[in-house]
């Protein structure tokens, strides 16, 4: 199942965030959330997390950038469990990383879900719009879209 779409939710006083129903179906009752790039959180269903973790473990421990990458993703990782209301508790270290205080945006990006603070999401989208999506996709090259 490919995750797609954008949903707006609120983090409550107990650090709980509702996961959209469409995403819960693909994520299951337990999944992994970790620090992501661009000041967001990356959320993986178990099978995708296993694949991602295997790629991290394959990185050479003798390379300082590889060690830093592994530490970034694995040290920040947490297993999340969905409660009866479809919410997870977002751990403090992940809330700090994503600058997640109240308003959140939960987006599907194919094999994973991302959780953003609303201000970070809006700032990210503004930066991308200023670059121009035609220019951005042009830099990637021909990928048969």
N, C-alpha and C. Protein backbone atom coordinates (compact mmCIF):
# COMPACT_ATOMS: atom_id res chain seq x y z
N UNK A 1 0.84 -1.18 0.00
CA UNK A 1 0.00 0.00 0.00
C UNK A 1 0.88 1.25 0.00
N UNK A 2 0.64 2.13 -0.89
CA UNK A 2 1.37 3.40 -0.92
C UNK A 2 0.62 4.41 -0.06
N UNK A 3 1.36 5.07 0.81
CA UNK A 3 0.77 6.12 1.64
C UNK A 3 0.73 7.41 0.84
N UNK A 4 -0.42 8.07 0.85
CA UNK A 4 -0.54 9.35 0.16
C UNK A 4 -1.62 10.19 0.83
N UNK A 5 -1.50 11.48 0.64
CA UNK A 5 -2.48 12.40 1.22
C UNK A 5 -1.87 13.24 2.32
N UNK A 6 -2.62 14.25 2.72
CA UNK A 6 -2.20 15.21 3.74
C UNK A 6 -3.36 15.42 4.70
N UNK A 7 -3.09 15.27 5.99
CA UNK A 7 -4.12 15.38 7.00
C UNK A 7 -3.63 16.28 8.13
N UNK A 8 -4.50 17.11 8.64
CA UNK A 8 -4.14 18.03 9.72
C UNK A 8 -4.77 17.54 11.02
N UNK A 9 -3.93 17.49 12.05
CA UNK A 9 -4.36 17.04 13.37
C UNK A 9 -3.70 17.90 14.43
N UNK A 10 -4.08 17.67 15.67
CA UNK A 10 -3.53 18.42 16.78
C UNK A 10 -2.88 17.47 17.78
N UNK A 11 -1.74 17.88 18.31
CA UNK A 11 -1.09 17.15 19.40
C UNK A 11 -1.73 17.65 20.68
N UNK A 12 -2.27 16.74 21.50
CA UNK A 12 -2.95 17.18 22.72
C UNK A 12 -1.95 17.38 23.86
N UNK A 13 -2.45 17.76 25.02
CA UNK A 13 -1.60 18.06 26.17
C UNK A 13 -0.81 16.86 26.66
N UNK A 14 -1.26 15.65 26.33
CA UNK A 14 -0.56 14.42 26.73
C UNK A 14 0.34 13.90 25.62
N UNK A 15 0.62 14.75 24.62
CA UNK A 15 1.51 14.43 23.49
C UNK A 15 0.94 13.34 22.58
N UNK A 16 -0.37 13.22 22.54
CA UNK A 16 -1.02 12.24 21.68
C UNK A 16 -1.40 12.88 20.35
N UNK A 17 -1.23 12.11 19.30
CA UNK A 17 -1.56 12.56 17.94
C UNK A 17 -2.38 11.48 17.26
N UNK A 18 -3.49 11.88 16.67
CA UNK A 18 -4.32 10.94 15.92
C UNK A 18 -3.65 10.61 14.59
N UNK A 19 -3.60 9.33 14.27
CA UNK A 19 -3.09 8.87 12.99
C UNK A 19 -4.29 8.65 12.08
N UNK A 20 -4.28 9.24 10.88
CA UNK A 20 -5.44 9.08 9.99
C UNK A 20 -5.77 7.61 9.73
N UNK A 21 -7.05 7.32 9.65
CA UNK A 21 -7.52 5.94 9.44
C UNK A 21 -6.85 5.31 8.22
N UNK A 22 -6.76 6.06 7.13
CA UNK A 22 -6.16 5.50 5.91
C UNK A 22 -4.72 5.08 6.15
N UNK A 23 -4.02 5.77 7.01
CA UNK A 23 -2.63 5.41 7.30
C UNK A 23 -2.56 4.27 8.31
N UNK A 24 -3.49 4.23 9.26
CA UNK A 24 -3.49 3.15 10.25
C UNK A 24 -3.66 1.80 9.59
N UNK A 25 -4.45 1.74 8.54
CA UNK A 25 -4.65 0.47 7.83
C UNK A 25 -3.31 -0.08 7.34
N UNK A 26 -2.46 0.78 6.80
CA UNK A 26 -1.16 0.34 6.27
C UNK A 26 -0.07 0.21 7.31
N UNK A 27 -0.17 0.99 8.38
CA UNK A 27 0.86 0.96 9.42
C UNK A 27 0.64 -0.17 10.41
N UNK A 28 -0.61 -0.51 10.66
CA UNK A 28 -0.91 -1.52 11.67
C UNK A 28 -1.02 -0.90 13.05
N UNK A 29 -1.13 -1.75 14.07
CA UNK A 29 -1.28 -1.28 15.45
C UNK A 29 0.03 -0.85 16.08
N UNK A 30 1.14 -1.36 15.55
CA UNK A 30 2.48 -1.01 16.04
C UNK A 30 3.36 -0.69 14.85
N UNK A 31 4.11 0.39 14.97
CA UNK A 31 5.00 0.79 13.89
C UNK A 31 6.14 1.59 14.48
N UNK A 32 7.08 1.98 13.65
CA UNK A 32 8.27 2.70 14.13
C UNK A 32 8.25 4.13 13.62
N UNK A 33 8.51 5.06 14.53
CA UNK A 33 8.70 6.46 14.18
C UNK A 33 10.12 6.85 14.55
N UNK A 34 10.74 7.64 13.69
CA UNK A 34 12.10 8.09 13.95
C UNK A 34 12.29 9.50 13.44
N UNK A 35 13.43 10.09 13.78
CA UNK A 35 13.78 11.39 13.23
C UNK A 35 13.89 11.26 11.73
N UNK A 36 13.34 12.22 11.02
CA UNK A 36 13.46 12.25 9.57
C UNK A 36 14.25 13.47 9.15
N UNK A 37 14.51 13.56 7.88
CA UNK A 37 15.19 14.72 7.34
C UNK A 37 14.20 15.88 7.20
N UNK A 38 14.70 17.08 7.04
CA UNK A 38 13.87 18.28 6.86
C UNK A 38 13.03 18.63 8.09
N UNK A 39 13.47 18.21 9.27
CA UNK A 39 12.77 18.53 10.53
C UNK A 39 11.37 17.92 10.62
N UNK A 40 11.23 16.70 10.14
CA UNK A 40 9.97 15.99 10.30
C UNK A 40 10.27 14.63 10.91
N UNK A 41 9.22 13.85 11.12
CA UNK A 41 9.36 12.48 11.60
C UNK A 41 9.03 11.53 10.48
N UNK A 42 9.74 10.42 10.41
CA UNK A 42 9.45 9.38 9.45
C UNK A 42 8.80 8.23 10.21
N UNK A 43 7.71 7.71 9.65
CA UNK A 43 6.95 6.64 10.27
C UNK A 43 6.87 5.47 9.29
N UNK A 44 7.30 4.30 9.75
CA UNK A 44 7.38 3.12 8.89
C UNK A 44 6.52 1.98 9.42
N UNK A 45 5.80 1.28 8.54
CA UNK A 45 5.18 0.02 8.96
C UNK A 45 6.32 -0.97 9.24
N UNK A 46 6.07 -2.01 10.01
CA UNK A 46 7.15 -2.94 10.39
C UNK A 46 7.98 -3.47 9.22
N UNK A 47 7.35 -3.86 8.13
CA UNK A 47 8.11 -4.44 7.01
C UNK A 47 9.04 -3.41 6.37
N UNK A 48 8.57 -2.18 6.22
CA UNK A 48 9.42 -1.12 5.65
C UNK A 48 10.54 -0.74 6.61
N UNK A 49 10.23 -0.73 7.91
CA UNK A 49 11.27 -0.43 8.90
C UNK A 49 12.38 -1.49 8.84
N UNK A 50 12.01 -2.75 8.75
CA UNK A 50 13.02 -3.82 8.67
C UNK A 50 13.92 -3.61 7.46
N UNK A 51 13.35 -3.26 6.34
CA UNK A 51 14.14 -3.01 5.13
C UNK A 51 15.06 -1.80 5.31
N UNK A 52 14.53 -0.72 5.87
CA UNK A 52 15.30 0.50 6.10
C UNK A 52 16.44 0.22 7.09
N UNK A 53 16.12 -0.47 8.16
CA UNK A 53 17.13 -0.80 9.18
C UNK A 53 18.22 -1.69 8.60
N UNK A 54 17.86 -2.63 7.74
CA UNK A 54 18.85 -3.50 7.10
C UNK A 54 19.81 -2.69 6.24
N UNK A 55 19.29 -1.70 5.53
CA UNK A 55 20.16 -0.84 4.72
C UNK A 55 21.09 -0.03 5.60
N UNK A 56 20.59 0.43 6.75
CA UNK A 56 21.46 1.16 7.69
C UNK A 56 22.55 0.24 8.24
N UNK A 57 22.19 -0.99 8.60
CA UNK A 57 23.17 -1.93 9.14
C UNK A 57 24.24 -2.30 8.12
N UNK A 58 23.91 -2.17 6.84
CA UNK A 58 24.86 -2.51 5.79
C UNK A 58 25.90 -1.41 5.55
N UNK A 59 25.68 -0.24 6.13
CA UNK A 59 26.63 0.85 5.94
C UNK A 59 27.95 0.52 6.65
N UNK A 60 29.07 0.97 6.11
CA UNK A 60 30.37 0.63 6.70
C UNK A 60 30.61 1.39 8.01
N UNK A 61 30.87 0.65 9.08
CA UNK A 61 31.10 1.28 10.38
C UNK A 61 32.41 2.06 10.41
N UNK A 62 33.25 1.85 9.43
CA UNK A 62 34.52 2.59 9.38
C UNK A 62 34.37 3.99 8.80
N UNK A 63 33.21 4.27 8.23
CA UNK A 63 32.96 5.57 7.62
C UNK A 63 32.24 6.47 8.63
N UNK A 64 32.83 7.62 8.99
CA UNK A 64 32.20 8.49 10.00
C UNK A 64 30.82 9.00 9.59
N UNK A 65 30.60 9.28 8.31
CA UNK A 65 29.28 9.73 7.87
C UNK A 65 28.25 8.61 7.97
N UNK A 66 28.67 7.39 7.72
CA UNK A 66 27.77 6.25 7.85
C UNK A 66 27.39 6.06 9.32
N UNK A 67 28.36 6.16 10.22
CA UNK A 67 28.07 6.02 11.64
C UNK A 67 27.10 7.11 12.11
N UNK A 68 27.32 8.33 11.65
CA UNK A 68 26.44 9.44 12.03
C UNK A 68 25.02 9.20 11.52
N UNK A 69 24.90 8.69 10.30
CA UNK A 69 23.58 8.42 9.72
C UNK A 69 22.85 7.34 10.52
N UNK A 70 23.56 6.27 10.84
CA UNK A 70 22.96 5.19 11.62
C UNK A 70 22.51 5.70 12.98
N UNK A 71 23.36 6.47 13.63
CA UNK A 71 22.99 7.02 14.94
C UNK A 71 21.77 7.93 14.85
N UNK A 72 21.74 8.77 13.83
CA UNK A 72 20.63 9.71 13.66
C UNK A 72 19.30 8.96 13.60
N UNK A 73 19.22 7.96 12.74
CA UNK A 73 17.96 7.26 12.55
C UNK A 73 17.63 6.26 13.65
N UNK A 74 18.62 5.49 14.11
CA UNK A 74 18.33 4.44 15.08
C UNK A 74 18.22 4.94 16.51
N UNK A 75 19.05 5.89 16.91
CA UNK A 75 18.96 6.40 18.28
C UNK A 75 17.64 7.12 18.52
N UNK A 76 17.11 7.72 17.48
CA UNK A 76 15.85 8.44 17.62
C UNK A 76 14.61 7.58 17.42
N UNK A 77 14.78 6.33 17.07
CA UNK A 77 13.64 5.48 16.72
C UNK A 77 12.85 5.03 17.95
N UNK A 78 11.55 4.96 17.80
CA UNK A 78 10.65 4.50 18.85
C UNK A 78 9.55 3.66 18.24
N UNK A 79 9.20 2.57 18.93
CA UNK A 79 8.04 1.81 18.51
C UNK A 79 6.81 2.51 19.06
N UNK A 80 5.84 2.73 18.21
CA UNK A 80 4.60 3.40 18.60
C UNK A 80 3.45 2.40 18.56
N UNK A 81 2.55 2.55 19.52
CA UNK A 81 1.36 1.70 19.57
C UNK A 81 0.13 2.58 19.50
N UNK A 82 -0.79 2.23 18.64
CA UNK A 82 -2.02 2.99 18.45
C UNK A 82 -3.01 2.62 19.55
N UNK A 83 -3.59 3.63 20.21
CA UNK A 83 -4.58 3.37 21.25
C UNK A 83 -5.96 3.15 20.62
N UNK A 84 -6.96 2.94 21.45
CA UNK A 84 -8.31 2.63 20.96
C UNK A 84 -8.93 3.77 20.17
N UNK A 85 -8.45 5.00 20.36
CA UNK A 85 -8.95 6.16 19.63
C UNK A 85 -8.12 6.47 18.39
N UNK A 86 -7.15 5.62 18.07
CA UNK A 86 -6.33 5.82 16.88
C UNK A 86 -5.20 6.81 17.06
N UNK A 87 -4.76 7.01 18.31
CA UNK A 87 -3.71 7.97 18.60
C UNK A 87 -2.42 7.26 19.02
N UNK A 88 -1.32 7.97 18.84
CA UNK A 88 -0.05 7.53 19.39
C UNK A 88 0.47 8.63 20.32
N UNK A 89 1.33 8.24 21.23
CA UNK A 89 2.04 9.22 22.04
C UNK A 89 3.35 9.49 21.31
N UNK A 90 3.59 10.74 20.98
CA UNK A 90 4.82 11.11 20.29
C UNK A 90 5.88 11.40 21.37
N UNK A 91 6.94 10.59 21.41
CA UNK A 91 7.97 10.78 22.44
C UNK A 91 8.60 12.17 22.38
N UNK A 92 9.07 12.62 23.53
CA UNK A 92 9.62 13.97 23.65
C UNK A 92 10.76 14.22 22.68
N UNK A 93 11.68 13.25 22.53
CA UNK A 93 12.81 13.48 21.62
C UNK A 93 12.35 13.70 20.18
N UNK A 94 11.30 13.02 19.78
CA UNK A 94 10.78 13.20 18.42
C UNK A 94 10.01 14.51 18.29
N UNK A 95 9.27 14.87 19.33
CA UNK A 95 8.57 16.17 19.29
C UNK A 95 9.57 17.30 19.18
N UNK A 96 10.67 17.21 19.92
CA UNK A 96 11.70 18.25 19.86
C UNK A 96 12.33 18.32 18.47
N UNK A 97 12.66 17.17 17.91
CA UNK A 97 13.28 17.14 16.59
C UNK A 97 12.40 17.80 15.54
N UNK A 98 11.11 17.49 15.57
CA UNK A 98 10.17 17.99 14.56
C UNK A 98 9.55 19.34 14.94
N UNK A 99 9.97 19.87 16.09
CA UNK A 99 9.39 21.13 16.57
C UNK A 99 7.86 21.03 16.64
N UNK A 100 7.42 19.89 17.08
CA UNK A 100 6.00 19.55 17.11
C UNK A 100 5.41 19.97 18.45
N UNK A 101 4.57 20.98 18.42
CA UNK A 101 3.96 21.47 19.65
C UNK A 101 2.45 21.24 19.68
N UNK A 102 1.74 21.81 18.73
CA UNK A 102 0.29 21.67 18.74
C UNK A 102 -0.26 21.21 17.39
N UNK A 103 -0.15 22.07 16.39
CA UNK A 103 -0.71 21.75 15.08
C UNK A 103 0.26 20.88 14.29
N UNK A 104 -0.25 19.76 13.79
CA UNK A 104 0.56 18.81 13.05
C UNK A 104 -0.04 18.53 11.69
N UNK A 105 0.81 18.14 10.77
CA UNK A 105 0.38 17.69 9.45
C UNK A 105 0.96 16.30 9.25
N UNK A 106 0.11 15.35 8.90
CA UNK A 106 0.52 13.97 8.68
C UNK A 106 0.37 13.71 7.19
N UNK A 107 1.48 13.35 6.53
CA UNK A 107 1.45 13.19 5.07
C UNK A 107 1.96 11.81 4.68
N UNK A 108 1.37 11.30 3.61
CA UNK A 108 1.82 10.04 3.06
C UNK A 108 2.79 10.29 1.93
N UNK A 109 3.92 9.60 1.95
CA UNK A 109 4.94 9.78 0.91
C UNK A 109 5.41 8.43 0.39
N UNK A 110 4.46 7.62 -0.03
CA UNK A 110 4.80 6.34 -0.64
C UNK A 110 4.97 5.23 0.39
N UNK A 111 6.22 4.90 0.70
CA UNK A 111 6.49 3.77 1.59
C UNK A 111 6.47 4.15 3.06
N UNK A 112 6.34 5.44 3.35
CA UNK A 112 6.33 5.88 4.74
C UNK A 112 5.35 7.03 4.90
N UNK A 113 5.13 7.37 6.17
CA UNK A 113 4.32 8.52 6.55
C UNK A 113 5.27 9.52 7.19
N UNK A 114 5.01 10.80 7.00
CA UNK A 114 5.79 11.83 7.67
C UNK A 114 4.87 12.64 8.57
N UNK A 115 5.42 13.05 9.72
CA UNK A 115 4.70 13.92 10.66
C UNK A 115 5.48 15.22 10.75
N UNK A 116 4.80 16.31 10.49
CA UNK A 116 5.40 17.64 10.49
C UNK A 116 4.66 18.54 11.46
N UNK A 117 5.37 19.51 12.02
CA UNK A 117 4.65 20.60 12.68
C UNK A 117 4.06 21.43 11.55
N UNK A 118 2.91 22.00 11.77
CA UNK A 118 2.26 22.79 10.72
C UNK A 118 3.16 23.92 10.24
N UNK A 119 3.80 24.69 11.14
CA UNK A 119 4.68 25.77 10.65
C UNK A 119 5.86 25.24 9.82
N UNK A 120 6.45 24.13 10.22
CA UNK A 120 7.57 23.57 9.44
C UNK A 120 7.09 23.10 8.07
N UNK A 121 5.92 22.47 8.01
CA UNK A 121 5.36 22.00 6.74
C UNK A 121 5.11 23.17 5.80
N UNK A 122 4.52 24.23 6.33
CA UNK A 122 4.23 25.39 5.51
C UNK A 122 5.52 26.06 5.02
N UNK A 123 6.53 26.15 5.90
CA UNK A 123 7.81 26.75 5.50
C UNK A 123 8.50 25.89 4.45
N UNK A 124 8.46 24.58 4.62
CA UNK A 124 9.05 23.66 3.64
C UNK A 124 8.39 23.85 2.27
N UNK A 125 7.07 23.86 2.26
CA UNK A 125 6.35 24.01 0.99
C UNK A 125 6.63 25.36 0.34
N UNK A 126 6.78 26.39 1.13
CA UNK A 126 7.10 27.71 0.59
C UNK A 126 8.48 27.70 -0.06
N UNK A 127 9.46 27.08 0.61
CA UNK A 127 10.81 26.99 0.03
C UNK A 127 10.80 26.24 -1.29
N UNK A 128 10.04 25.15 -1.35
CA UNK A 128 9.98 24.35 -2.57
C UNK A 128 9.28 25.13 -3.68
N UNK A 129 8.24 25.84 -3.35
CA UNK A 129 7.51 26.64 -4.35
C UNK A 129 8.41 27.73 -4.91
N UNK A 130 9.24 28.32 -4.04
CA UNK A 130 10.15 29.37 -4.51
C UNK A 130 11.21 28.81 -5.46
N UNK A 131 11.65 27.59 -5.21
CA UNK A 131 12.62 26.95 -6.12
C UNK A 131 11.95 26.64 -7.45
N UNK A 132 10.70 26.27 -7.38
CA UNK A 132 9.96 25.87 -8.58
C UNK A 132 10.05 24.37 -8.77
N UNK A 133 8.90 23.72 -8.79
CA UNK A 133 8.89 22.26 -8.89
C UNK A 133 9.44 21.77 -10.23
N UNK A 134 9.31 22.58 -11.27
CA UNK A 134 9.90 22.19 -12.56
C UNK A 134 11.42 22.13 -12.43
N UNK A 135 12.01 23.10 -11.74
CA UNK A 135 13.46 23.11 -11.54
C UNK A 135 13.90 21.96 -10.66
N UNK A 136 13.14 21.69 -9.62
CA UNK A 136 13.49 20.60 -8.70
C UNK A 136 13.46 19.26 -9.44
N UNK A 137 12.39 18.99 -10.17
CA UNK A 137 12.31 17.72 -10.88
C UNK A 137 13.34 17.65 -11.99
N UNK A 138 13.68 18.79 -12.58
CA UNK A 138 14.72 18.82 -13.60
C UNK A 138 16.08 18.42 -13.04
N UNK A 139 16.36 18.81 -11.78
CA UNK A 139 17.63 18.45 -11.17
C UNK A 139 17.73 16.95 -10.88
N UNK A 140 16.59 16.32 -10.65
CA UNK A 140 16.59 14.89 -10.40
C UNK A 140 16.95 14.12 -11.66
N UNK A 141 16.53 14.64 -12.78
CA UNK A 141 16.80 13.97 -14.06
C UNK A 141 15.59 13.22 -14.55
N UNK A 142 15.80 12.47 -15.60
CA UNK A 142 14.72 11.71 -16.22
C UNK A 142 14.39 10.50 -15.37
N UNK A 143 13.24 10.52 -14.77
CA UNK A 143 12.80 9.37 -13.98
C UNK A 143 11.43 8.90 -14.44
N UNK A 144 11.18 9.12 -15.73
CA UNK A 144 10.00 8.58 -16.41
C UNK A 144 8.67 8.95 -15.78
N UNK A 145 8.49 10.20 -15.42
CA UNK A 145 7.17 10.61 -14.91
C UNK A 145 6.22 10.87 -16.06
